[in-house]
Amino acid sequence: NYMPVDRKRDRNNRYSVNIKHQQQFSHKLSGGVDFNQASDDYYYQDFSGRNAIAENVNLDRKAWLHYDTLLFGENLSTQLLVQKYQALRDANGNKDEPYSILPRLFASWNKNIGKADVNVWGQITRFIHDTKQSGVRAIVYPSIKWDFHNQWGYVRPKIGIHATRYALDEFGSLKSRNTSRILPIVNVNSGITLERETNLMN
């Protein structure tokens, strides 16, 4: 959309750009682009309703590559993502730009072994901000889930370890530092089916 002259706002060359594209490079490799831009902070406030204003405070700009391959006979899914936003002022005149992701590498793998379902996923992200502390975050989450069931019920226990590590950059008076967290996770999902024969309107 393009407007060369806006007499109400006394602005020239007002525009919005929205580009979405997905590409299948091969049966294993795909990718895409989602790019959005506005000419100024007040574009959506002037040309859109309240919902559009709220949805377009931070305009998304991202590109990604997705690759699938086999590892130990099961699918390994990986993705490389870069993402940055154009931050616009909200209805109150405030602007809060989200962190940029430059880049993020994600991987996920799953395998069934008997009654056990083994799942491992992880990601490493470089997050950057002009006015906030930047750094790198790595997450690894391996888990195992079992499925025990019959005609009248089921029990599905799950155990896992969610490990996170941050490597934070120097920022103002804050020195660069590393911090980590390891969180064991135990979950039990169960259910039972109760049936009773009955007659209605005999």
C-alpha atoms as a PDB file:
ATOM      1  CA  ASN A   1       0.000   0.000   0.000  1.00  0.00           C
ATOM      2  CA  TYR A   2       1.302   3.444  -0.870  1.00  0.00           C
ATOM      3  CA  MET A   3       0.059   7.013  -0.419  1.00  0.00           C
ATOM      4  CA  PRO A   4       2.331   9.748  -1.825  1.00  0.00           C
ATOM      5  CA  VAL A   5       0.636  12.604   0.067  1.00  0.00           C
ATOM      6  CA  ASP A   6      -1.464  12.469   3.240  1.00  0.00           C
ATOM      7  CA  ARG A   7      -3.012  15.896   3.802  1.00  0.00           C
ATOM      8  CA  LYS A   8      -4.580  14.973   7.158  1.00  0.00           C
ATOM      9  CA  ARG A   9      -1.245  13.948   8.658  1.00  0.00           C
ATOM     10  CA  ASP A  10       0.808  16.330   6.522  1.00  0.00           C
ATOM     11  CA  ARG A  11       3.106  13.420   5.640  1.00  0.00           C
ATOM     12  CA  ASN A  12       4.485  12.203   2.345  1.00  0.00           C
ATOM     13  CA  ASN A  13       5.236   8.703   1.064  1.00  0.00           C
ATOM     14  CA  ARG A  14       3.234   6.660   3.571  1.00  0.00           C
ATOM     15  CA  TYR A  15       3.245   2.936   2.907  1.00  0.00           C
ATOM     16  CA  SER A  16       3.020  -0.592   4.270  1.00  0.00           C
ATOM     17  CA  VAL A  17       4.746  -3.698   2.898  1.00  0.00           C
ATOM     18  CA  ASN A  18       3.736  -7.302   3.642  1.00  0.00           C
ATOM     19  CA  ILE A  19       5.638 -10.171   2.026  1.00  0.00           C
ATOM     20  CA  LYS A  20       5.108 -13.875   2.739  1.00  0.00           C
ATOM     21  CA  HIS A  21       6.877 -16.638   0.833  1.00  0.00           C
ATOM     22  CA  GLN A  22       7.507 -20.359   1.351  1.00  0.00           C
ATOM     23  CA  GLN A  23       9.887 -22.430  -0.743  1.00  0.00           C
ATOM     24  CA  GLN A  24      10.444 -26.188  -1.043  1.00  0.00           C
ATOM     25  CA  PHE A  25      14.061 -26.522  -2.207  1.00  0.00           C
ATOM     26  CA  SER A  26      14.091 -30.329  -1.990  1.00  0.00           C
ATOM     27  CA  HIS A  27      12.222 -33.092  -0.178  1.00  0.00           C
ATOM     28  CA  LYS A  28      14.439 -32.433   2.875  1.00  0.00           C
ATOM     29  CA  LEU A  29      15.023 -28.661   2.719  1.00  0.00           C
ATOM     30  CA  SER A  30      12.414 -25.900   2.843  1.00  0.00           C
ATOM     31  CA  GLY A  31      12.392 -22.266   3.877  1.00  0.00           C
ATOM     32  CA  GLY A  32      10.405 -19.079   4.012  1.00  0.00           C
ATOM     33  CA  VAL A  33      10.274 -15.339   4.550  1.00  0.00           C
ATOM     34  CA  ASP A  34       7.752 -13.206   6.443  1.00  0.00           C
ATOM     35  CA  PHE A  35       8.533  -9.478   6.116  1.00  0.00           C
ATOM     36  CA  ASN A  36       6.413  -6.552   7.288  1.00  0.00           C
ATOM     37  CA  GLN A  37       7.209  -2.834   7.326  1.00  0.00           C
ATOM     38  CA  ALA A  38       5.379   0.467   7.760  1.00  0.00           C
ATOM     39  CA  SER A  39       6.541   3.938   6.816  1.00  0.00           C
ATOM     40  CA  ASP A  40       5.982   5.461  10.283  1.00  0.00           C
ATOM     41  CA  ASP A  41       4.778   4.813  13.836  1.00  0.00           C
ATOM     42  CA  TYR A  42       1.243   6.041  13.159  1.00  0.00           C
ATOM     43  CA  TYR A  43       0.470   4.195   9.927  1.00  0.00           C
ATOM     44  CA  TYR A  44      -1.800   1.521  11.442  1.00  0.00           C
ATOM     45  CA  GLN A  45      -3.373   4.013  13.838  1.00  0.00           C
ATOM     46  CA  ASP A  46      -4.467   6.137  10.867  1.00  0.00           C
ATOM     47  CA  PHE A  47      -5.531   3.419   8.437  1.00  0.00           C
ATOM     48  CA  SER A  48      -6.719   0.486  10.577  1.00  0.00           C
ATOM     49  CA  GLY A  49      -9.141  -0.427  13.344  1.00  0.00           C
ATOM     50  CA  ARG A  50      -8.314  -1.143  16.986  1.00  0.00           C
ATOM     51  CA  ASN A  51      -7.573  -4.821  16.442  1.00  0.00           C
ATOM     52  CA  ALA A  52      -5.114  -4.105  13.644  1.00  0.00           C
ATOM     53  CA  ILE A  53      -3.403  -1.449  15.769  1.00  0.00           C
ATOM     54  CA  ALA A  54      -2.889  -3.942  18.624  1.00  0.00           C
ATOM     55  CA  GLU A  55      -1.702  -6.694  16.264  1.00  0.00           C
ATOM     56  CA  ASN A  56       0.795  -4.459  14.457  1.00  0.00           C
ATOM     57  CA  VAL A  57       2.635  -2.753  17.309  1.00  0.00           C
ATOM     58  CA  ASN A  58       5.659  -4.951  16.533  1.00  0.00           C
ATOM     59  CA  LEU A  59       5.971  -5.857  12.858  1.00  0.00           C
ATOM     60  CA  ASP A  60       7.511  -9.285  12.376  1.00  0.00           C
ATOM     61  CA  ARG A  61      10.456  -9.840  10.032  1.00  0.00           C
ATOM     62  CA  LYS A  62      11.825 -13.346   9.865  1.00  0.00           C
ATOM     63  CA  ALA A  63      13.425 -15.870   7.555  1.00  0.00           C
ATOM     64  CA  TRP A  64      13.994 -19.562   8.166  1.00  0.00           C
ATOM     65  CA  LEU A  65      15.377 -22.785   6.745  1.00  0.00           C
ATOM     66  CA  HIS A  66      13.960 -26.170   7.751  1.00  0.00           C
ATOM     67  CA  TYR A  67      15.829 -29.441   7.180  1.00  0.00           C
ATOM     68  CA  ASP A  68      14.700 -33.025   7.860  1.00  0.00           C
ATOM     69  CA  THR A  69      16.952 -36.080   7.824  1.00  0.00           C
ATOM     70  CA  LEU A  70      17.209 -39.512   9.433  1.00  0.00           C
ATOM     71  CA  LEU A  71      19.146 -40.235  12.638  1.00  0.00           C
ATOM     72  CA  PHE A  72      19.187 -43.834  13.947  1.00  0.00           C
ATOM     73  CA  GLY A  73      16.240 -44.610  11.689  1.00  0.00           C
ATOM     74  CA  GLU A  74      14.042 -41.755  12.938  1.00  0.00           C
ATOM     75  CA  ASN A  75      13.378 -38.234  11.715  1.00  0.00           C
ATOM     76  CA  LEU A  76      15.667 -35.433  12.912  1.00  0.00           C
ATOM     77  CA  SER A  77      14.021 -32.057  12.350  1.00  0.00           C
ATOM     78  CA  THR A  78      16.194 -28.930  12.364  1.00  0.00           C
ATOM     79  CA  GLN A  79      15.475 -25.256  11.776  1.00  0.00           C
ATOM     80  CA  LEU A  80      17.583 -22.109  11.433  1.00  0.00           C
ATOM     81  CA  LEU A  81      15.707 -18.862  12.142  1.00  0.00           C
ATOM     82  CA  VAL A  82      16.558 -15.164  12.116  1.00  0.00           C
ATOM     83  CA  GLN A  83      13.967 -12.691  13.410  1.00  0.00           C
ATOM     84  CA  LYS A  84      13.828  -8.945  13.977  1.00  0.00           C
ATOM     85  CA  TYR A  85      10.957  -6.521  14.550  1.00  0.00           C
ATOM     86  CA  GLN A  86      10.032  -3.016  13.505  1.00  0.00           C
ATOM     87  CA  ALA A  87       8.606  -1.509  16.688  1.00  0.00           C
ATOM     88  CA  LEU A  88       5.813   1.053  16.285  1.00  0.00           C
ATOM     89  CA  ARG A  89       4.298   3.295  18.936  1.00  0.00           C
ATOM     90  CA  ASP A  90       1.095   1.978  20.497  1.00  0.00           C
ATOM     91  CA  ALA A  91      -2.100   3.979  21.017  1.00  0.00           C
ATOM     92  CA  ASN A  92      -0.559   5.522  24.158  1.00  0.00           C
ATOM     93  CA  GLY A  93       2.572   6.626  22.315  1.00  0.00           C
ATOM     94  CA  ASN A  94       4.821   3.978  23.887  1.00  0.00           C
ATOM     95  CA  LYS A  95       7.334   1.833  22.044  1.00  0.00           C
ATOM     96  CA  ASP A  96       8.919  -1.385  23.364  1.00  0.00           C
ATOM     97  CA  GLU A  97      10.965  -3.291  20.818  1.00  0.00           C
ATOM     98  CA  PRO A  98      11.283  -7.065  21.417  1.00  0.00           C
ATOM     99  CA  TYR A  99      14.615  -8.878  21.339  1.00  0.00           C
ATOM    100  CA  SER A 100      16.025  -9.820  17.951  1.00  0.00           C
ATOM    101  CA  ILE A 101      16.937 -13.460  17.297  1.00  0.00           C
ATOM    102  CA  LEU A 102      20.155 -13.535  15.288  1.00  0.00           C
ATOM    103  CA  PRO A 103      20.030 -16.521  14.894  1.00  0.00           C
ATOM    104  CA  ARG A 104      18.275 -19.530  16.508  1.00  0.00           C
ATOM    105  CA  LEU A 105      19.133 -23.149  15.723  1.00  0.00           C
ATOM    106  CA  PHE A 106      16.525 -25.729  16.771  1.00  0.00           C
ATOM    107  CA  ALA A 107      16.600 -29.529  16.577  1.00  0.00           C
ATOM    108  CA  SER A 108      14.101 -32.239  17.565  1.00  0.00           C
ATOM    109  CA  TRP A 109      14.338 -36.051  17.454  1.00  0.00           C
ATOM    110  CA  ASN A 110      11.840 -38.734  18.504  1.00  0.00           C
ATOM    111  CA  LYS A 111      11.998 -42.547  18.632  1.00  0.00           C
ATOM    112  CA  ASN A 112       9.631 -45.273  19.873  1.00  0.00           C
ATOM    113  CA  ILE A 113      11.296 -48.133  21.736  1.00  0.00           C
ATOM    114  CA  GLY A 114       8.695 -50.682  22.798  1.00  0.00           C
ATOM    115  CA  LYS A 115       6.283 -48.903  25.130  1.00  0.00           C
ATOM    116  CA  ALA A 116       8.716 -45.998  25.550  1.00  0.00           C
ATOM    117  CA  ASP A 117       8.696 -42.797  23.534  1.00  0.00           C
ATOM    118  CA  VAL A 118      12.110 -41.086  23.601  1.00  0.00           C
ATOM    119  CA  ASN A 119      12.174 -37.405  22.684  1.00  0.00           C
ATOM    120  CA  VAL A 120      15.106 -34.992  22.579  1.00  0.00           C
ATOM    121  CA  TRP A 121      14.937 -31.374  21.537  1.00  0.00           C
ATOM    122  CA  GLY A 122      17.254 -28.452  21.950  1.00  0.00           C
ATOM    123  CA  GLN A 123      17.890 -24.953  20.731  1.00  0.00           C
ATOM    124  CA  ILE A 124      20.588 -22.333  20.868  1.00  0.00           C
ATOM    125  CA  THR A 125      19.633 -18.680  20.452  1.00  0.00           C
ATOM    126  CA  ARG A 126      21.611 -15.487  20.068  1.00  0.00           C
ATOM    127  CA  PHE A 127      19.313 -12.710  21.338  1.00  0.00           C
ATOM    128  CA  ILE A 128      20.213  -9.056  20.776  1.00  0.00           C
ATOM    129  CA  HIS A 129      18.717  -5.742  21.922  1.00  0.00           C
ATOM    130  CA  ASP A 130      19.909  -2.153  21.539  1.00  0.00           C
ATOM    131  CA  THR A 131      18.942  -1.053  25.069  1.00  0.00           C
ATOM    132  CA  LYS A 132      18.856  -4.339  27.034  1.00  0.00           C
ATOM    133  CA  GLN A 133      21.355  -7.032  27.895  1.00  0.00           C
ATOM    134  CA  SER A 134      22.135  -9.411  25.030  1.00  0.00           C
ATOM    135  CA  GLY A 135      23.516 -12.919  25.122  1.00  0.00           C
ATOM    136  CA  VAL A 136      23.250 -16.563  24.110  1.00  0.00           C
ATOM    137  CA  ARG A 137      20.794 -19.106  25.519  1.00  0.00           C
ATOM    138  CA  ALA A 138      21.090 -22.885  25.097  1.00  0.00           C
ATOM    139  CA  ILE A 139      18.304 -25.315  26.029  1.00  0.00           C
ATOM    140  CA  VAL A 140      18.354 -29.123  26.018  1.00  0.00           C
ATOM    141  CA  TYR A 141      15.306 -31.175  27.005  1.00  0.00           C
ATOM    142  CA  PRO A 142      15.536 -34.997  26.789  1.00  0.00           C
ATOM    143  CA  SER A 143      12.500 -36.961  27.997  1.00  0.00           C
ATOM    144  CA  ILE A 144      11.065 -40.474  28.050  1.00  0.00           C
ATOM    145  CA  LYS A 145       7.350 -41.276  28.155  1.00  0.00           C
ATOM    146  CA  TRP A 146       5.756 -44.706  28.611  1.00  0.00           C
ATOM    147  CA  ASP A 147       2.282 -45.733  27.563  1.00  0.00           C
ATOM    148  CA  PHE A 148       0.590 -48.510  29.570  1.00  0.00           C
ATOM    149  CA  HIS A 149      -3.039 -49.021  28.599  1.00  0.00           C
ATOM    150  CA  ASN A 150      -5.822 -51.582  28.220  1.00  0.00           C
ATOM    151  CA  GLN A 151      -9.575 -51.490  27.578  1.00  0.00           C
ATOM    152  CA  TRP A 152     -10.471 -49.803  30.870  1.00  0.00           C
ATOM    153  CA  GLY A 153      -7.693 -47.287  31.446  1.00  0.00           C
ATOM    154  CA  TYR A 154      -4.183 -46.006  30.874  1.00  0.00           C
ATOM    155  CA  VAL A 155      -1.143 -44.701  32.724  1.00  0.00           C
ATOM    156  CA  ARG A 156       1.453 -42.558  30.932  1.00  0.00           C
ATOM    157  CA  PRO A 157       4.410 -41.619  33.145  1.00  0.00           C
ATOM    158  CA  LYS A 158       7.019 -39.211  31.814  1.00  0.00           C
ATOM    159  CA  ILE A 159      10.434 -38.120  33.087  1.00  0.00           C
ATOM    160  CA  GLY A 160      12.763 -35.519  31.646  1.00  0.00           C
ATOM    161  CA  ILE A 161      15.479 -32.985  32.350  1.00  0.00           C
ATOM    162  CA  HIS A 162      15.127 -29.377  31.181  1.00  0.00           C
ATOM    163  CA  ALA A 163      18.586 -27.776  31.164  1.00  0.00           C
ATOM    164  CA  THR A 164      19.165 -24.098  30.326  1.00  0.00           C
ATOM    165  CA  ARG A 165      22.388 -22.112  30.139  1.00  0.00           C
ATOM    166  CA  TYR A 166      22.836 -18.383  29.530  1.00  0.00           C
ATOM    167  CA  ALA A 167      25.999 -16.591  28.438  1.00  0.00           C
ATOM    168  CA  LEU A 168      25.184 -12.906  28.971  1.00  0.00           C
ATOM    169  CA  ASP A 169      27.156 -10.061  27.405  1.00  0.00           C
ATOM    170  CA  GLU A 170      28.569  -7.096  29.246  1.00  0.00           C
ATOM    171  CA  PHE A 171      25.945  -4.337  29.486  1.00  0.00           C
ATOM    172  CA  GLY A 172      26.470  -0.970  31.163  1.00  0.00           C
ATOM    173  CA  SER A 173      27.575  -1.657  34.732  1.00  0.00           C
ATOM    174  CA  LEU A 174      26.716  -5.355  34.385  1.00  0.00           C
ATOM    175  CA  LYS A 175      29.635  -7.638  33.670  1.00  0.00           C
ATOM    176  CA  SER A 176      29.425 -10.571  31.292  1.00  0.00           C
ATOM    177  CA  ARG A 177      28.466 -13.739  33.136  1.00  0.00           C
ATOM    178  CA  ASN A 178      27.217 -17.300  32.744  1.00  0.00           C
ATOM    179  CA  THR A 179      24.301 -18.846  34.571  1.00  0.00           C
ATOM    180  CA  SER A 180      22.534 -22.179  34.242  1.00  0.00           C
ATOM    181  CA  ARG A 181      19.536 -24.117  35.520  1.00  0.00           C
ATOM    182  CA  ILE A 182      18.737 -27.848  35.561  1.00  0.00           C
ATOM    183  CA  LEU A 183      15.098 -28.751  36.206  1.00  0.00           C
ATOM    184  CA  PRO A 184      14.020 -32.409  36.578  1.00  0.00           C
ATOM    185  CA  ILE A 185      10.455 -32.979  35.360  1.00  0.00           C
ATOM    186  CA  VAL A 186       8.190 -35.856  36.395  1.00  0.00           C
ATOM    187  CA  ASN A 187       4.670 -36.175  35.058  1.00  0.00           C
ATOM    188  CA  VAL A 188       2.020 -38.905  35.289  1.00  0.00           C
ATOM    189  CA  ASN A 189      -1.047 -38.756  33.071  1.00  0.00           C
ATOM    190  CA  SER A 190      -3.711 -41.380  33.743  1.00  0.00           C
ATOM    191  CA  GLY A 191      -7.342 -42.106  33.056  1.00  0.00           C
ATOM    192  CA  ILE A 192      -9.995 -44.757  33.597  1.00  0.00           C
ATOM    193  CA  THR A 193     -13.119 -45.697  31.666  1.00  0.00           C
ATOM    194  CA  LEU A 194     -16.228 -46.734  33.636  1.00  0.00           C
ATOM    195  CA  GLU A 195     -19.134 -48.307  31.788  1.00  0.00           C
ATOM    196  CA  ARG A 196     -22.560 -49.446  32.964  1.00  0.00           C
ATOM    197  CA  GLU A 197     -25.358 -50.953  30.967  1.00  0.00           C
ATOM    198  CA  THR A 198     -28.749 -49.246  31.336  1.00  0.00           C
ATOM    199  CA  ASN A 199     -32.099 -49.052  29.557  1.00  0.00           C
ATOM    200  CA  LEU A 200     -34.111 -45.939  28.880  1.00  0.00           C
ATOM    201  CA  MET A 201     -37.819 -45.616  28.087  1.00  0.00           C
ATOM    202  CA  ASN A 202     -38.645 -49.327  28.397  1.00  0.00           C
END
